[in-house]
Amino acid sequence: MRFRTFLASTAIAVTLTGLATAPADAGGRSYLALGDSVAFGYRPGAVTPVSDYLNAANFRGYAENYASLRGLRLANASCPGETTGSFLKAGAQSNGCENSVGSPVGYRTTFPLHVTYAGTQLDYATRYLRTHQDTKLVTLNIGANDMFVCQATTPDRCTGTDSRRR
C-alpha cells in the first residue's frame, strides 16, 4: 500500500515538475503523455453523449491543452482505466482500459484512443522515444485505478492487512 502511494505521489510530482519547467518555445518538439483517464481527458457517460466516445478527439485533457500552449507535437497514449499492472504487462487487470474487474471488455477494446498501438503503454513509450529523439516532455499519471481494483477485489476493500498481499 505504501509503495502504491509512493508511486502515485511520484507520478504527480514528476508531472507537475515537468509542466512547471517546460520551455515556453519548444520549437515543435514532441510531448508524450502516458497514463489513465486523467491524461486522456475522459468524461464519464453521465455527462458525455455516447457518440463522443467514437472519436478520441472529443476528449481533451491537460495534455492536449499543454501541448497546444507550448507548441508541442503530442502523442497521447493514455487509456481510461489503466492500472500500474496493465501499463507494464499486457493482459494484466485494469479498471476499464483493456478489461474490467469481472469482464474482458474495456475502453480500449470498444473505443479509439488518441493514438493506436499494440501492446502496453510502456511498449509504445519505448518505441516512441526511440523514434522521436526530439521528445522534450513525458508525463505519466497512473495509480488511482490500482486502488479501485484493490477495493473491488479484496474482502476488506483495500483497507486492512489482506490488501498487503497485492
Protein backbone atom coordinates (compact mmCIF):
# COMPACT_ATOMS: atom_id res chain seq x y z
CA MET A 1 0.00 0.00 0.00
CA ARG A 2 2.78 2.44 0.89
CA PHE A 3 4.55 1.58 -2.35
CA ARG A 4 1.43 2.39 -4.39
CA THR A 5 1.04 5.67 -2.57
CA PHE A 6 4.69 6.42 -3.27
CA LEU A 7 4.23 5.62 -6.99
CA ALA A 8 1.16 7.82 -7.27
CA SER A 9 2.83 10.68 -5.41
CA THR A 10 5.94 10.38 -7.54
CA ALA A 11 3.92 10.42 -10.76
CA ILE A 12 2.11 13.56 -9.66
CA ALA A 13 5.34 15.29 -8.61
CA VAL A 14 7.12 14.38 -11.85
CA THR A 15 4.17 15.62 -13.89
CA LEU A 16 3.91 18.91 -12.02
CA THR A 17 7.66 19.47 -12.19
CA GLY A 18 7.69 18.82 -15.92
CA LEU A 19 4.77 21.15 -16.52
CA ALA A 20 6.27 23.92 -14.45
CA THR A 21 9.72 23.80 -16.06
CA ALA A 22 8.94 23.17 -19.72
CA PRO A 23 10.35 25.81 -22.08
CA ALA A 24 8.00 28.44 -23.45
CA ASP A 25 9.13 27.77 -27.02
CA ALA A 26 9.69 24.09 -27.68
CA GLY A 27 10.20 24.61 -31.41
CA GLY A 28 7.70 21.94 -32.49
CA ARG A 29 9.27 19.19 -30.39
CA SER A 30 7.42 16.13 -29.13
CA TYR A 31 5.48 15.51 -25.93
CA LEU A 32 4.49 12.00 -24.83
CA ALA A 33 1.55 11.69 -22.42
CA LEU A 34 1.03 8.36 -20.66
CA GLY A 35 -1.37 7.13 -18.05
CA ASP A 36 -5.05 6.79 -17.27
CA SER A 37 -8.24 8.83 -17.67
CA VAL A 38 -6.65 11.98 -16.23
CA ALA A 39 -4.16 12.24 -19.10
CA PHE A 40 -6.77 11.01 -21.60
CA GLY A 41 -9.28 13.75 -20.77
CA TYR A 42 -12.03 11.21 -20.10
CA ARG A 43 -15.52 12.34 -19.13
CA PRO A 44 -17.99 9.84 -17.65
CA GLY A 45 -21.06 8.68 -19.55
CA ALA A 46 -23.40 10.67 -17.31
CA VAL A 47 -22.08 13.92 -18.85
CA THR A 48 -20.95 12.70 -22.27
CA PRO A 49 -23.10 11.80 -25.30
CA VAL A 50 -22.46 8.21 -26.44
CA SER A 51 -21.43 9.45 -29.90
CA ASP A 52 -18.48 11.34 -28.36
CA TYR A 53 -16.80 8.04 -27.49
CA LEU A 54 -16.40 7.18 -31.18
CA ASN A 55 -13.81 9.94 -31.65
CA ALA A 56 -10.96 10.31 -29.16
CA ALA A 57 -10.51 13.95 -30.22
CA ASN A 58 -13.71 14.69 -28.27
CA PHE A 59 -11.70 14.11 -25.09
CA ARG A 60 -9.21 16.87 -24.30
CA GLY A 61 -7.32 16.90 -21.06
CA TYR A 62 -4.34 18.71 -19.65
CA ALA A 63 -2.02 17.00 -22.17
CA GLU A 64 -3.79 18.50 -25.18
CA ASN A 65 -4.07 21.90 -23.52
CA TYR A 66 -0.42 21.99 -22.50
CA ALA A 67 0.85 20.77 -25.89
CA SER A 68 -1.17 23.49 -27.59
CA LEU A 69 0.04 26.15 -25.17
CA ARG A 70 3.71 25.18 -25.63
CA GLY A 71 3.66 24.34 -29.35
CA LEU A 72 4.47 20.67 -28.79
CA ARG A 73 3.53 17.74 -31.04
CA LEU A 74 1.52 15.50 -28.73
CA ALA A 75 1.38 11.71 -28.71
CA ASN A 76 -1.19 10.88 -26.02
CA ALA A 77 -1.06 7.12 -25.40
CA SER A 78 -3.14 7.23 -22.21
CA CYS A 79 -6.09 4.91 -21.64
CA PRO A 80 -9.03 5.38 -19.25
CA GLY A 81 -8.88 2.73 -16.52
CA GLU A 82 -5.18 1.89 -16.93
CA THR A 83 -3.52 0.42 -13.83
CA THR A 84 0.14 0.18 -12.98
CA GLY A 85 -0.02 -3.54 -13.81
CA SER A 86 -1.73 -3.11 -17.19
CA PHE A 87 0.64 -0.24 -18.04
CA LEU A 88 3.52 -2.68 -17.67
CA LYS A 89 2.09 -6.05 -18.77
CA ALA A 90 -0.42 -6.90 -21.49
CA GLY A 91 -3.48 -8.69 -20.14
CA ALA A 92 -2.94 -7.57 -16.54
CA GLN A 93 -6.01 -6.43 -14.61
CA SER A 94 -7.09 -2.89 -15.42
CA ASN A 95 -10.04 -0.85 -14.27
CA GLY A 96 -11.55 -0.42 -17.68
CA CYS A 97 -8.70 0.10 -20.16
CA GLU A 98 -8.08 -3.38 -21.61
CA ASN A 99 -10.52 -5.13 -19.27
CA SER A 100 -12.57 -4.51 -16.16
CA VAL A 101 -12.92 -6.46 -12.93
CA GLY A 102 -15.11 -9.41 -13.91
CA SER A 103 -15.16 -8.57 -17.63
CA PRO A 104 -12.76 -8.96 -20.56
CA VAL A 105 -14.14 -5.73 -22.07
CA GLY A 106 -12.52 -2.36 -21.58
CA TYR A 107 -12.45 1.12 -23.10
CA ARG A 108 -9.63 0.25 -25.49
CA THR A 109 -11.45 -2.83 -26.78
CA THR A 110 -14.53 -0.74 -27.58
CA PHE A 111 -13.48 2.84 -28.36
CA PRO A 112 -10.49 4.53 -30.02
CA LEU A 113 -7.60 6.05 -28.07
CA HIS A 114 -5.76 9.23 -29.05
CA VAL A 115 -3.06 7.07 -30.68
CA THR A 116 -3.29 3.49 -31.91
CA TYR A 117 -0.78 0.92 -30.71
CA ALA A 118 -0.40 -2.77 -29.98
CA GLY A 119 0.85 -3.97 -26.60
CA THR A 120 1.22 -1.93 -23.45
CA GLN A 121 1.73 1.78 -22.96
CA LEU A 122 5.25 1.01 -21.79
CA ASP A 123 5.92 -0.82 -25.08
CA TYR A 124 4.53 2.15 -27.01
CA ALA A 125 6.55 4.65 -24.96
CA THR A 126 9.75 2.71 -25.57
CA ARG A 127 9.15 2.59 -29.34
CA TYR A 128 8.06 6.22 -29.43
CA LEU A 129 11.08 7.55 -27.55
CA ARG A 130 13.48 5.56 -29.73
CA THR A 131 11.99 7.09 -32.88
CA HIS A 132 11.28 10.60 -31.54
CA GLN A 133 14.54 11.69 -30.01
CA ASP A 134 13.33 15.30 -30.02
CA THR A 135 10.87 14.48 -27.22
CA LYS A 136 11.14 17.19 -24.59
CA LEU A 137 8.39 16.19 -22.17
CA VAL A 138 6.95 12.92 -20.89
CA THR A 139 4.15 12.90 -18.32
CA LEU A 140 2.75 9.88 -16.51
CA ASN A 141 -0.43 9.73 -14.44
CA ILE A 142 -1.05 6.27 -13.03
CA GLY A 143 -2.16 4.70 -9.77
CA ALA A 144 -5.72 5.70 -8.90
CA ASN A 145 -7.18 2.72 -10.75
CA ASP A 146 -4.95 0.37 -8.74
CA MET A 147 -6.88 1.43 -5.65
CA PHE A 148 -10.24 0.94 -7.38
CA VAL A 149 -9.23 -2.59 -8.46
CA CYS A 150 -7.98 -3.34 -4.95
CA GLN A 151 -11.27 -2.11 -3.47
CA ALA A 152 -13.21 -4.35 -5.86
CA THR A 153 -11.11 -7.48 -5.34
CA THR A 154 -10.26 -7.66 -1.62
CA PRO A 155 -12.66 -8.65 1.16
CA ASP A 156 -11.88 -5.56 3.23
CA ARG A 157 -11.99 -3.27 0.16
CA CYS A 158 -8.29 -2.49 0.48
CA THR A 159 -8.44 -1.08 4.00
CA GLY A 160 -6.67 -3.75 6.07
CA THR A 161 -3.91 -6.29 6.24
CA ASP A 162 -5.26 -8.56 3.47
CA SER A 163 -4.72 -5.76 0.92
CA ARG A 164 -0.97 -6.01 1.53
CA ARG A 165 -0.88 -9.29 -0.40
CA ARG A 166 -1.20 -7.40 -3.69
